[in-house]
Amino acid sequence: MTRDLDRLTATTFDVLVVGGGIYGLTIAYDAAQRGLSVVLVERNDFGSGTSFNHLRTIHGGLRYLQSLDIGRARESIRERRAIARIAPQAVRPLPFAVPLYRSLSRGKLAMRAGFLLDRLVAFDRNRGVLPSHRLAGGRVVSRSHAAQRFPGLKRQGLTGAAVFHDYVTTEPDRYTLSFALAAVEHGAVLANYVEAIAPRVDGARVTGVTARDTLGTRTVEIAAKLTVNATGGRVDGLLKPLGISTGIPMLKAMNLVTRRDAGDEALGGRTASGRNLFLVPWRDRALFGTWESERTCDPDDTGVAERDVVGFIAELNQAFPALDLTLADITLVHRGVVPAAVRGGRVGLEGHEQIRDHSMQGFEGLLSVAGTKFTTARGVAERVTDRLFAKLPQKPVPCRTATTPLPGGSVRDIGLAIADARREFDEGLPTDTIPHLIAAYGSRYRDVMEIAATRPEWRTRLAPDSPVIGAELVLAARREMAPTLADIVIRRTPLGALGHPGAAALARAAAIVAAELGWSEDRRRQEIAAIDRVYTLDGAANRAIT
């Protein structure tokens, strides 16, 4: 991927997508794969907003069966399966244990009935999935078994546990980026750090946007037959110059990365207020989520105050009494703004994607989409692209993104791929690097190893507790449209995924990237300082990753 602003103005595209989060990228990929000419612009980096803020899990919709919402459960099952098929390197099965107490709706009998229904609804959950990724059906275990096997569960009143399986995304930011790579490989033009200022209008029709390069001073006019507003929490910002809005309320969401060690399974807990919380093992650390604000918020207010983090920690200690989590245990705060549902005066997460065709408000050629579910983004993109074809003179083309491997997704046996890579490349590499490369790059891990072969120092780890090697940073700088050190350290690689990687590691990373991108010493110091701010709770740091 190369950032070429001249290509943004070279033609009138079929589709312009504004927003490079998981929804915008999947839409761009689907539309491009079906033969449409596509351009996408993102005001920050790809996947740097709310798409960065999720619990790293891919859910099969078991919770929807509690309200007998079979349709949403089926969609989640299909999309969970699709991810395992098109990007098997990006996910792995993970057991979840949820405590059960004496309750008609949340007790043993209810969960056994729920698991029976799940077996019927999810009868095809493993169809076309690698043997290593097949998910077993859920089961209810006794109190003694739950207390012994899952000691982190709240013991008071415990009658047993519900155990089921979903996926955890081992390299979630690489998975998000893979949709950008796939879109480009199908002819789409993508550019990060290009902010859409206002829609272009011809009469009652939106014909593209006026945008500016946030890394420079250039303004560009991007022309398109159809425009998709996929700007996430700021969805109404793009519409403001037109005098219209979606009316979608927003709330804040937060997950916490900690320095705590984690076991081999995710644990559920419930607070006195009824909030369901999870401890998810990710990269051998405990990740906790998800906190949601009790009221709607300004979409531009992405900051999270320390009092909110402290309050969330108190809730976690209530849900998991043996935890004794403190603020000092937090290494990174994931935060974002997502669509809310307001019912009966209460604010909660909006479970359905929101799609608005603004022809109903007098503007043809403009759609807005906003959603909260990382798992179902591909399916939402399929529905949006179907609607785009309905507005274009082209004959509709069937969607193929549910079965076509994403870049790197051609791995047919994860264990065998790791073993083959170890035999060929393991000499001189850190022991944990090969499994990491397979998870991050899949069948394209050789792209990294080709670079690593050219310089011995690019084969060594950058931080003591990270498998990332220098060659990955070089690849990101050369081929993955990553113009800042934060892009490379936090998203293109997981060097900073668990928290601040340390001053020495940042200095080494900055030296490698500076040599590739021609930075001055002053620029190098600025890039390091920008990353340092990411790991604080002030507003400037929040904007850096949201």
Protein backbone atom coordinates (compact mmCIF):
# COMPACT_ATOMS: atom_id res chain seq x y z
CA MET A 1 0.00 0.00 0.00
CA THR A 2 1.29 3.44 -0.92
CA ARG A 3 -0.19 6.80 0.03
CA ASP A 4 -0.67 8.64 -3.28
CA LEU A 5 -2.99 11.65 -2.98
CA ASP A 6 -2.94 12.26 -6.73
CA ARG A 7 -4.90 9.04 -7.22
CA LEU A 8 -7.73 10.43 -5.08
CA THR A 9 -8.56 12.98 -7.77
CA ALA A 10 -7.70 10.96 -10.89
CA THR A 11 -11.26 9.82 -11.67
CA THR A 12 -14.87 9.77 -10.56
CA PHE A 13 -15.19 6.64 -8.45
CA ASP A 14 -18.25 4.43 -8.15
CA VAL A 15 -17.97 4.49 -4.35
CA LEU A 16 -16.25 6.77 -1.86
CA VAL A 17 -15.97 5.44 1.70
CA VAL A 18 -15.22 8.00 4.40
CA GLY A 19 -13.79 6.28 7.47
CA GLY A 20 -11.14 3.57 7.76
CA GLY A 21 -12.32 1.59 10.76
CA ILE A 22 -13.45 -2.02 10.52
CA TYR A 23 -16.79 -1.02 8.94
CA GLY A 24 -15.32 1.31 6.33
CA LEU A 25 -12.55 -1.11 5.39
CA THR A 26 -14.86 -4.10 4.99
CA ILE A 27 -17.22 -2.03 2.82
CA ALA A 28 -14.33 -0.84 0.64
CA TYR A 29 -13.06 -4.40 0.26
CA ASP A 30 -16.45 -5.90 -0.55
CA ALA A 31 -17.28 -3.22 -3.10
CA ALA A 32 -13.86 -3.46 -4.76
CA GLN A 33 -13.98 -7.26 -4.87
CA ARG A 34 -17.31 -7.03 -6.68
CA GLY A 35 -15.75 -4.86 -9.37
CA LEU A 36 -16.69 -1.34 -8.31
CA SER A 37 -14.11 1.46 -8.40
CA VAL A 38 -13.55 2.44 -4.78
CA VAL A 39 -11.72 5.15 -2.86
CA LEU A 40 -11.45 5.34 0.95
CA VAL A 41 -10.09 8.12 3.13
CA GLU A 42 -9.45 8.03 6.88
CA ARG A 43 -8.62 11.12 8.95
CA ASN A 44 -6.20 9.23 11.23
CA ASP A 45 -4.74 5.76 10.75
CA PHE A 46 -6.67 2.71 9.63
CA GLY A 47 -8.29 0.97 12.58
CA SER A 48 -7.09 3.62 15.04
CA GLY A 49 -10.50 4.66 16.33
CA THR A 50 -13.17 2.57 18.00
CA SER A 51 -12.00 -0.47 16.02
CA PHE A 52 -8.95 -0.44 18.28
CA ASN A 53 -11.27 -0.59 21.30
CA HIS A 54 -12.79 -4.04 21.51
CA LEU A 55 -12.46 -7.02 23.78
CA ARG A 56 -10.47 -9.09 21.25
CA THR A 57 -13.21 -11.73 21.16
CA ILE A 58 -15.31 -13.02 18.27
CA HIS A 59 -18.71 -13.98 19.66
CA GLY A 60 -21.20 -16.46 18.28
CA GLY A 61 -24.26 -14.67 19.66
CA LEU A 62 -25.06 -17.01 22.56
CA ARG A 63 -26.37 -14.09 24.63
CA TYR A 64 -28.99 -13.31 21.97
CA LEU A 65 -30.66 -16.63 22.64
CA GLN A 66 -31.66 -15.38 26.11
CA SER A 67 -34.16 -13.10 24.37
CA LEU A 68 -34.84 -15.67 21.61
CA ASP A 69 -33.38 -13.33 19.00
CA ILE A 70 -32.61 -16.18 16.61
CA GLY A 71 -31.86 -13.86 13.69
CA ARG A 72 -29.03 -12.04 15.46
CA ALA A 73 -27.69 -15.29 16.88
CA ARG A 74 -27.57 -16.84 13.40
CA GLU A 75 -25.81 -13.79 12.00
CA SER A 76 -23.15 -13.94 14.73
CA ILE A 77 -22.64 -17.66 14.15
CA ARG A 78 -22.23 -17.17 10.41
CA GLU A 79 -19.80 -14.28 10.83
CA ARG A 80 -17.77 -16.06 13.50
CA ARG A 81 -17.44 -19.00 11.11
CA ALA A 82 -16.56 -16.70 8.19
CA ILE A 83 -13.69 -15.14 10.13
CA ALA A 84 -12.32 -18.58 11.02
CA ARG A 85 -12.44 -19.50 7.33
CA ILE A 86 -11.00 -16.35 5.72
CA ALA A 87 -8.40 -15.53 8.39
CA PRO A 88 -7.71 -18.67 10.45
CA GLN A 89 -4.33 -17.34 11.53
CA ALA A 90 -6.02 -14.38 13.23
CA VAL A 91 -8.17 -16.31 15.70
CA ARG A 92 -8.00 -19.27 18.04
CA PRO A 93 -10.65 -21.05 20.11
CA LEU A 94 -11.09 -19.84 23.67
CA PRO A 95 -13.20 -21.38 26.45
CA PHE A 96 -15.46 -19.03 28.40
CA ALA A 97 -16.77 -19.80 31.90
CA VAL A 98 -19.71 -17.85 33.27
CA PRO A 99 -20.80 -18.39 36.90
CA LEU A 100 -24.32 -19.62 37.60
CA TYR A 101 -26.42 -18.81 40.64
CA ARG A 102 -29.91 -19.68 41.79
CA SER A 103 -32.08 -17.96 39.21
CA LEU A 104 -34.86 -18.87 36.82
CA SER A 105 -33.26 -16.96 33.96
CA ARG A 106 -29.55 -17.45 34.76
CA GLY A 107 -29.44 -20.75 36.60
CA LYS A 108 -28.42 -24.24 35.54
CA LEU A 109 -31.77 -25.20 34.02
CA ALA A 110 -31.96 -22.04 31.92
CA MET A 111 -28.41 -22.46 30.65
CA ARG A 112 -28.92 -26.11 29.76
CA ALA A 113 -31.96 -25.08 27.73
CA GLY A 114 -29.93 -22.28 26.15
CA PHE A 115 -27.12 -24.62 25.16
CA LEU A 116 -29.62 -27.07 23.66
CA LEU A 117 -31.09 -24.26 21.56
CA ASP A 118 -27.58 -23.13 20.62
CA ARG A 119 -26.73 -26.59 19.32
CA LEU A 120 -29.76 -26.38 17.04
CA VAL A 121 -29.23 -22.79 15.90
CA ALA A 122 -25.46 -23.27 15.47
CA PHE A 123 -25.67 -26.67 13.79
CA ASP A 124 -23.26 -25.51 11.03
CA ARG A 125 -20.84 -23.53 13.22
CA ASN A 126 -17.85 -25.66 12.16
CA ARG A 127 -18.68 -26.10 8.47
CA GLY A 128 -15.57 -25.39 6.40
CA VAL A 129 -13.51 -24.56 9.50
CA LEU A 130 -10.05 -25.98 10.12
CA PRO A 131 -10.03 -28.91 12.59
CA SER A 132 -7.95 -26.85 15.01
CA HIS A 133 -10.60 -24.11 14.99
CA ARG A 134 -13.73 -26.20 15.49
CA LEU A 135 -15.79 -25.17 18.50
CA ALA A 136 -17.36 -27.63 20.94
CA GLY A 137 -20.90 -27.16 22.18
CA GLY A 138 -21.56 -25.52 25.53
CA ARG A 139 -22.10 -27.42 28.77
CA VAL A 140 -23.03 -26.80 32.39
CA VAL A 141 -20.60 -27.97 35.09
CA SER A 142 -21.14 -28.49 38.81
CA ARG A 143 -20.23 -26.10 41.61
CA SER A 144 -17.26 -28.18 42.73
CA HIS A 145 -15.96 -28.49 39.18
CA ALA A 146 -16.41 -24.73 38.58
CA ALA A 147 -14.69 -23.77 41.84
CA GLN A 148 -11.73 -26.05 41.15
CA ARG A 149 -11.33 -25.40 37.42
CA PHE A 150 -12.16 -21.66 37.44
CA PRO A 151 -10.98 -20.25 40.78
CA GLY A 152 -11.43 -16.68 39.57
CA LEU A 153 -15.24 -16.97 39.55
CA LYS A 154 -17.22 -15.34 42.34
CA ARG A 155 -17.89 -18.11 44.87
CA GLN A 156 -20.74 -16.63 46.93
CA GLY A 157 -23.98 -18.34 45.91
CA LEU A 158 -22.26 -20.24 43.09
CA THR A 159 -24.18 -23.29 41.87
CA GLY A 160 -22.07 -24.14 38.82
CA ALA A 161 -20.75 -22.63 35.62
CA ALA A 162 -21.76 -22.40 31.97
CA VAL A 163 -18.78 -23.25 29.74
CA PHE A 164 -18.82 -22.42 26.03
CA HIS A 165 -16.33 -21.58 23.27
CA ASP A 166 -15.78 -18.57 21.03
CA TYR A 167 -12.66 -17.12 19.42
CA VAL A 168 -10.06 -14.66 20.59
CA THR A 169 -8.26 -12.51 18.00
CA THR A 170 -4.56 -13.01 18.60
CA GLU A 171 -3.52 -10.14 16.29
CA PRO A 172 -6.66 -7.98 16.03
CA ASP A 173 -5.04 -4.93 14.44
CA ARG A 174 -3.40 -7.03 11.73
CA TYR A 175 -6.81 -8.58 11.07
CA THR A 176 -8.34 -5.11 10.64
CA LEU A 177 -5.48 -4.07 8.37
CA SER A 178 -5.95 -7.18 6.23
CA PHE A 179 -9.19 -5.68 4.89
CA ALA A 180 -7.25 -2.60 3.79
CA LEU A 181 -4.65 -4.80 2.09
CA ALA A 182 -7.39 -6.83 0.41
CA ALA A 183 -9.20 -3.72 -0.81
CA VAL A 184 -6.01 -2.36 -2.37
CA GLU A 185 -5.28 -5.70 -4.03
CA HIS A 186 -8.71 -5.47 -5.67
CA GLY A 187 -8.02 -2.01 -7.05
CA ALA A 188 -9.30 0.28 -4.30
CA VAL A 189 -7.46 3.54 -3.60
CA LEU A 190 -6.87 4.12 0.11
CA ALA A 191 -5.32 7.03 1.98
CA ASN A 192 -4.95 7.53 5.71
CA TYR A 193 -4.50 10.94 7.36
CA VAL A 194 -6.92 12.50 4.86
CA GLU A 195 -9.88 14.18 6.57
CA ALA A 196 -13.19 14.71 4.77
CA ILE A 197 -14.16 18.33 5.50
CA ALA A 198 -17.55 18.52 3.78
CA PRO A 199 -19.63 16.72 1.17
CA ARG A 200 -19.61 18.02 -2.41
CA VAL A 201 -23.14 18.70 -3.60
CA ASP A 202 -24.61 19.10 -7.07
CA GLY A 203 -28.21 20.14 -6.63
CA ALA A 204 -29.76 17.50 -4.39
CA ARG A 205 -27.03 14.94 -5.02
CA VAL A 206 -23.85 14.31 -3.03
CA THR A 207 -20.98 13.83 -5.50
CA GLY A 208 -18.05 13.20 -3.19
CA VAL A 209 -16.18 15.20 -0.56
CA THR A 210 -13.69 17.98 -0.11
CA ALA A 211 -10.82 16.64 1.98
CA ARG A 212 -7.52 17.81 3.40
CA ASP A 213 -4.20 16.12 3.99
CA THR A 214 -3.63 16.22 7.75
CA LEU A 215 0.07 15.46 7.26
CA GLY A 216 0.48 18.47 4.99
CA THR A 217 -1.45 21.45 3.62
CA ARG A 218 -3.05 20.05 0.51
CA THR A 219 -6.82 20.11 -0.13
CA VAL A 220 -8.32 17.60 -2.57
CA GLU A 221 -11.70 17.21 -4.27
CA ILE A 222 -12.75 13.56 -4.42
CA ALA A 223 -15.55 12.73 -6.86
CA ALA A 224 -17.80 9.68 -6.55
CA LYS A 225 -21.21 8.50 -7.71
CA LEU A 226 -22.02 7.22 -4.22
CA THR A 227 -20.58 8.17 -0.83
CA VAL A 228 -20.65 6.00 2.29
CA ASN A 229 -20.23 7.80 5.60
CA ALA A 230 -18.57 5.25 7.88
CA THR A 231 -16.94 7.66 10.31
CA GLY A 232 -18.02 5.83 13.47
CA GLY A 233 -18.77 8.03 16.45
CA ARG A 234 -18.40 11.14 14.29
CA VAL A 235 -21.00 9.99 11.78
CA ASP A 236 -23.03 13.21 12.12
CA GLY A 237 -19.97 15.42 11.77
CA LEU A 238 -19.73 14.80 8.03
CA LEU A 239 -23.44 15.52 7.65
CA LYS A 240 -23.45 18.81 9.52
CA PRO A 241 -22.63 21.01 6.46
CA LEU A 242 -25.75 19.53 4.80
CA GLY A 243 -27.93 20.47 7.76
CA ILE A 244 -28.93 16.87 8.44
CA SER A 245 -28.01 14.14 10.94
CA THR A 246 -28.58 10.47 11.61
CA GLY A 247 -29.82 11.17 15.13
CA ILE A 248 -27.83 8.21 16.42
CA PRO A 249 -26.88 8.77 20.10
CA MET A 250 -23.42 7.77 21.25
CA LEU A 251 -21.89 6.43 24.45
CA LYS A 252 -18.35 5.79 25.65
CA ALA A 253 -16.93 2.29 25.92
CA MET A 254 -13.74 1.16 27.61
CA ASN A 255 -11.60 -1.96 28.02
CA LEU A 256 -8.51 -2.31 30.19
CA VAL A 257 -5.22 -4.02 29.39
CA THR A 258 -3.41 -5.04 32.57
CA ARG A 259 -0.05 -6.39 33.66
CA ARG A 260 -1.83 -9.31 35.37
CA ASP A 261 -1.10 -12.81 34.14
CA ALA A 262 -4.07 -14.67 32.69
CA GLY A 263 -5.03 -18.32 32.52
CA ASP A 264 -6.25 -20.29 29.54
CA GLU A 265 -9.91 -19.33 29.61
CA ALA A 266 -12.09 -16.24 29.72
CA LEU A 267 -14.15 -15.68 32.86
CA GLY A 268 -17.47 -13.91 33.23
CA GLY A 269 -18.71 -11.92 36.17
CA ARG A 270 -21.72 -9.81 37.07
CA THR A 271 -21.85 -6.62 39.13
CA ALA A 272 -24.58 -5.63 41.56
CA SER A 273 -25.93 -3.24 38.92
CA GLY A 274 -26.37 -6.12 36.51
CA ARG A 275 -23.45 -5.34 34.20
CA ASN A 276 -21.83 -8.42 32.65
CA LEU A 277 -18.04 -8.20 32.58
CA PHE A 278 -15.33 -10.48 31.21
CA LEU A 279 -11.72 -11.29 31.94
CA VAL A 280 -10.13 -12.32 28.63
CA PRO A 281 -6.63 -13.83 28.37
CA TRP A 282 -4.86 -12.06 25.53
CA ARG A 283 -1.14 -12.33 24.81
CA ASP A 284 -0.80 -13.94 28.28
CA ARG A 285 -2.22 -10.84 29.96
CA ALA A 286 -5.65 -10.22 31.48
CA LEU A 287 -7.86 -7.90 29.43
CA PHE A 288 -11.08 -6.65 31.07
CA GLY A 289 -14.26 -5.28 29.54
CA THR A 290 -16.51 -3.79 28.68
CA TRP A 291 -17.38 -0.60 30.58
CA GLU A 292 -20.04 1.65 29.09
CA SER A 293 -21.01 5.17 30.15
CA GLU A 294 -24.36 5.58 31.85
CA ARG A 295 -25.34 8.51 29.64
CA THR A 296 -24.89 9.56 26.05
CA CYS A 297 -21.87 11.66 25.15
CA ASP A 298 -20.59 14.18 22.66
CA PRO A 299 -19.09 12.14 19.78
CA ASP A 300 -15.92 14.24 19.91
CA ASP A 301 -15.45 13.60 23.63
CA THR A 302 -13.41 10.42 23.42
CA GLY A 303 -11.46 11.07 26.60
CA VAL A 304 -11.78 8.82 29.63
CA ALA A 305 -11.27 10.40 33.04
CA GLU A 306 -9.25 8.65 35.71
CA ARG A 307 -12.37 8.54 37.92
CA ASP A 308 -14.10 6.42 35.23
CA VAL A 309 -11.19 3.98 35.18
CA VAL A 310 -11.18 3.82 38.98
CA GLY A 311 -14.93 3.21 38.99
CA PHE A 312 -14.56 0.45 36.41
CA ILE A 313 -11.84 -1.18 38.50
CA ALA A 314 -14.21 -1.16 41.49
CA GLU A 315 -16.87 -2.92 39.42
CA LEU A 316 -14.34 -5.52 38.27
CA ASN A 317 -13.30 -6.24 41.84
CA GLN A 318 -16.96 -6.65 42.68
CA ALA A 319 -17.52 -9.10 39.81
CA PHE A 320 -14.25 -10.94 40.53
CA PRO A 321 -13.67 -10.71 44.32
CA ALA A 322 -10.31 -12.50 44.21
CA LEU A 323 -8.95 -10.01 41.69
CA ASP A 324 -7.90 -7.05 43.86
CA LEU A 325 -7.13 -4.99 40.75
CA THR A 326 -5.59 -1.53 41.23
CA LEU A 327 -4.90 1.44 38.99
CA ALA A 328 -1.21 0.50 39.03
CA ASP A 329 -2.10 -2.76 37.24
CA ILE A 330 -3.46 -0.92 34.17
CA THR A 331 -1.01 -0.69 31.28
CA LEU A 332 -3.29 0.60 28.51
CA VAL A 333 -6.85 1.92 28.33
CA HIS A 334 -8.80 1.12 25.19
CA ARG A 335 -11.61 3.58 24.65
CA GLY A 336 -14.05 4.61 21.96
CA VAL A 337 -17.44 6.11 21.15
CA VAL A 338 -20.12 3.74 19.85
CA PRO A 339 -23.84 3.89 18.95
CA ALA A 340 -26.19 3.79 21.91
CA ALA A 341 -29.77 2.68 22.37
CA VAL A 342 -31.93 4.75 24.70
CA ARG A 343 -34.93 2.84 26.06
CA GLY A 344 -37.08 3.89 28.98
CA GLY A 345 -34.56 6.52 29.98
CA ARG A 346 -31.73 3.97 30.17
CA VAL A 347 -28.70 4.06 27.90
CA GLY A 348 -27.16 0.88 26.55
CA LEU A 349 -25.17 -0.46 23.63
CA GLU A 350 -27.02 -0.48 20.30
CA GLY A 351 -26.84 -4.08 19.12
CA HIS A 352 -27.95 -3.51 15.52
CA GLU A 353 -26.01 -1.65 12.88
CA GLN A 354 -27.60 1.64 11.84
CA ILE A 355 -27.80 2.34 8.09
CA ARG A 356 -29.30 5.59 6.84
CA ASP A 357 -30.10 6.39 3.22
CA HIS A 358 -30.12 10.18 3.14
CA SER A 359 -32.32 10.34 0.06
CA MET A 360 -35.10 10.37 2.66
CA GLN A 361 -33.65 13.71 3.83
CA GLY A 362 -33.30 15.16 0.36
CA PHE A 363 -29.74 14.10 -0.55
CA GLU A 364 -29.23 11.33 -3.10
CA GLY A 365 -26.00 9.37 -3.33
CA LEU A 366 -25.19 9.36 0.39
CA LEU A 367 -25.46 6.53 2.94
CA SER A 368 -24.33 6.51 6.55
CA VAL A 369 -23.51 3.38 8.53
CA ALA A 370 -22.57 2.97 12.19
CA GLY A 371 -22.25 -0.18 14.27
CA THR A 372 -20.86 -1.64 17.46
CA LYS A 373 -20.06 -5.27 16.62
CA PHE A 374 -16.57 -6.11 15.42
CA THR A 375 -17.64 -9.71 14.71
CA THR A 376 -20.38 -8.85 12.23
CA ALA A 377 -18.66 -6.02 10.32
CA ARG A 378 -18.13 -8.17 7.23
CA GLY A 379 -21.83 -9.06 7.10
CA VAL A 380 -22.82 -5.40 7.47
CA ALA A 381 -20.49 -4.55 4.59
CA GLU A 382 -22.21 -7.15 2.43
CA ARG A 383 -25.61 -5.57 3.08
CA VAL A 384 -24.30 -2.06 2.46
CA THR A 385 -22.69 -3.09 -0.84
CA ASP A 386 -25.93 -4.73 -1.93
CA ARG A 387 -27.64 -1.37 -1.40
CA LEU A 388 -24.93 0.41 -3.35
CA PHE A 389 -25.48 -1.85 -6.34
CA ALA A 390 -29.19 -1.07 -6.18
CA LYS A 391 -28.28 2.60 -6.76
CA LEU A 392 -25.83 2.00 -9.60
CA PRO A 393 -26.49 1.01 -13.23
CA GLN A 394 -24.12 -1.97 -12.94
CA LYS A 395 -25.53 -5.46 -12.81
CA PRO A 396 -25.34 -6.79 -9.20
CA VAL A 397 -22.40 -9.07 -8.41
CA PRO A 398 -22.66 -11.67 -5.62
CA CYS A 399 -20.60 -11.16 -2.48
CA ARG A 400 -17.63 -13.50 -2.03
CA THR A 401 -15.94 -12.07 1.07
CA ALA A 402 -17.33 -14.76 3.39
CA THR A 403 -15.36 -17.49 1.64
CA THR A 404 -12.37 -15.75 0.01
CA PRO A 405 -9.25 -15.82 2.22
CA LEU A 406 -7.96 -12.45 3.31
CA PRO A 407 -4.29 -11.64 2.64
CA GLY A 408 -2.33 -14.21 4.62
CA GLY A 409 -5.44 -16.31 5.20
CA SER A 410 -4.40 -19.23 3.00
CA VAL A 411 -2.94 -21.16 5.95
CA ARG A 412 -4.57 -24.58 6.06
CA ASP A 413 -2.90 -25.90 9.21
CA ILE A 414 -1.58 -23.43 11.78
CA GLY A 415 0.57 -25.95 13.63
CA LEU A 416 2.12 -27.25 10.42
CA ALA A 417 2.80 -23.72 9.19
CA ILE A 418 4.64 -22.91 12.43
CA ALA A 419 6.65 -26.13 12.23
CA ASP A 420 7.62 -25.50 8.59
CA ALA A 421 8.63 -21.92 9.36
CA ARG A 422 10.73 -23.03 12.33
CA ARG A 423 12.62 -25.55 10.18
CA GLU A 424 13.40 -22.92 7.55
CA PHE A 425 13.85 -19.69 9.51
CA ASP A 426 14.11 -20.32 13.25
CA GLU A 427 17.91 -20.08 13.51
CA GLY A 428 18.87 -16.82 15.18
CA LEU A 429 15.27 -15.74 15.86
CA PRO A 430 13.65 -15.32 19.30
CA THR A 431 11.77 -18.52 20.18
CA ASP A 432 8.35 -16.82 20.22
CA THR A 433 8.76 -14.90 16.96
CA ILE A 434 7.68 -17.58 14.47
CA PRO A 435 4.29 -18.28 16.15
CA HIS A 436 3.74 -14.52 16.33
CA LEU A 437 4.60 -14.05 12.63
CA ILE A 438 2.19 -16.80 11.59
CA ALA A 439 -0.59 -15.26 13.68
CA ALA A 440 0.10 -11.75 12.40
CA TYR A 441 0.91 -12.37 8.73
CA GLY A 442 -0.40 -15.86 8.08
CA SER A 443 0.85 -17.34 4.83
CA ARG A 444 2.62 -14.05 4.07
CA TYR A 445 5.11 -14.28 6.94
CA ARG A 446 7.86 -14.74 4.35
CA ASP A 447 7.51 -11.04 3.50
CA VAL A 448 8.97 -10.32 6.93
CA MET A 449 11.63 -13.02 6.71
CA GLU A 450 12.87 -11.75 3.34
CA ILE A 451 13.59 -8.39 4.97
CA ALA A 452 15.04 -10.01 8.08
CA ALA A 453 17.53 -11.91 5.92
CA THR A 454 19.13 -8.67 4.73
CA ARG A 455 20.24 -7.32 8.13
CA PRO A 456 21.13 -9.43 11.20
CA GLU A 457 19.92 -6.72 13.59
CA TRP A 458 16.46 -6.90 12.04
CA ARG A 459 16.14 -10.49 13.29
CA THR A 460 16.34 -9.55 16.98
CA ARG A 461 13.53 -8.62 19.35
CA LEU A 462 13.00 -4.96 20.18
CA ALA A 463 11.67 -5.42 23.72
CA PRO A 464 12.38 -8.21 26.23
CA ASP A 465 8.73 -9.27 26.53
CA SER A 466 7.71 -8.88 22.87
CA PRO A 467 8.17 -11.25 19.91
CA VAL A 468 8.32 -8.32 17.44
CA ILE A 469 11.54 -8.07 15.42
CA GLY A 470 12.95 -5.13 13.50
CA ALA A 471 12.03 -6.51 10.07
CA GLU A 472 8.33 -6.05 10.89
CA LEU A 473 8.85 -2.32 11.41
CA VAL A 474 10.69 -2.07 8.12
CA LEU A 475 7.87 -3.86 6.29
CA ALA A 476 5.29 -1.51 7.81
CA ALA A 477 7.28 1.59 6.88
CA ARG A 478 7.93 0.43 3.34
CA ARG A 479 4.70 -1.25 2.29
CA GLU A 480 1.86 -0.64 4.76
CA MET A 481 1.15 3.09 4.67
CA ALA A 482 2.37 3.78 8.19
CA PRO A 483 3.75 7.33 8.30
CA THR A 484 4.08 7.60 12.11
CA LEU A 485 5.89 5.60 14.74
CA ALA A 486 2.61 5.10 16.64
CA ASP A 487 1.07 3.47 13.56
CA ILE A 488 3.88 0.94 13.50
CA VAL A 489 4.40 0.32 17.22
CA ILE A 490 0.71 0.16 18.22
CA ARG A 491 -1.16 -1.17 15.16
CA ARG A 492 1.06 -2.61 12.41
CA THR A 493 2.89 -4.57 15.09
CA PRO A 494 1.94 -5.42 18.69
CA LEU A 495 5.14 -3.96 20.13
CA GLY A 496 3.07 -1.50 22.19
CA ALA A 497 -0.13 -3.53 22.41
CA LEU A 498 0.23 -4.48 26.07
CA GLY A 499 1.45 -1.12 27.31
CA HIS A 500 4.46 1.12 26.95
CA PRO A 501 7.24 -1.02 25.43
CA GLY A 502 9.96 0.84 27.36
CA ALA A 503 12.27 3.70 26.47
CA ALA A 504 15.01 1.45 25.11
CA ALA A 505 12.64 -0.46 22.82
CA LEU A 506 11.10 2.79 21.55
CA ALA A 507 14.52 4.23 20.84
CA ARG A 508 15.46 1.14 18.81
CA ALA A 509 12.13 1.20 16.97
CA ALA A 510 12.44 4.91 16.22
CA ALA A 511 15.95 4.43 14.85
CA ILE A 512 14.78 1.74 12.43
CA VAL A 513 11.76 3.71 11.22
CA ALA A 514 13.66 6.99 11.02
CA ALA A 515 16.21 5.40 8.72
CA GLU A 516 13.43 4.11 6.45
CA LEU A 517 11.39 7.33 6.35
CA GLY A 518 14.25 9.82 6.48
CA TRP A 519 13.36 11.50 9.76
CA SER A 520 15.52 14.10 11.43
CA GLU A 521 16.63 13.68 15.03
CA ASP A 522 14.03 16.23 16.08
CA ARG A 523 11.28 14.33 14.26
CA ARG A 524 12.41 11.12 15.90
CA ARG A 525 12.05 12.69 19.37
CA GLN A 526 8.59 14.01 18.48
CA GLU A 527 7.43 10.57 17.38
CA ILE A 528 8.63 8.98 20.62
CA ALA A 529 6.91 11.69 22.68
CA ALA A 530 3.65 11.07 20.79
CA ILE A 531 3.75 7.41 21.79
CA ASP A 532 4.53 8.27 25.41
CA ARG A 533 1.30 10.31 25.50
CA VAL A 534 -0.75 7.32 24.35
CA TYR A 535 -0.23 5.62 27.69
CA THR A 536 -1.61 8.45 29.81
CA LEU A 537 -5.24 9.35 30.47
CA ASP A 538 -5.28 12.99 29.39
CA GLY A 539 -7.37 14.08 26.42
CA ALA A 540 -4.45 14.44 24.03
CA ALA A 541 -3.45 10.83 24.61
CA ASN A 542 -7.02 9.66 24.08
CA ARG A 543 -7.12 11.29 20.68
CA ALA A 544 -3.89 9.57 19.76
CA ILE A 545 -5.54 6.14 19.69
CA THR A 546 -9.20 7.01 19.20
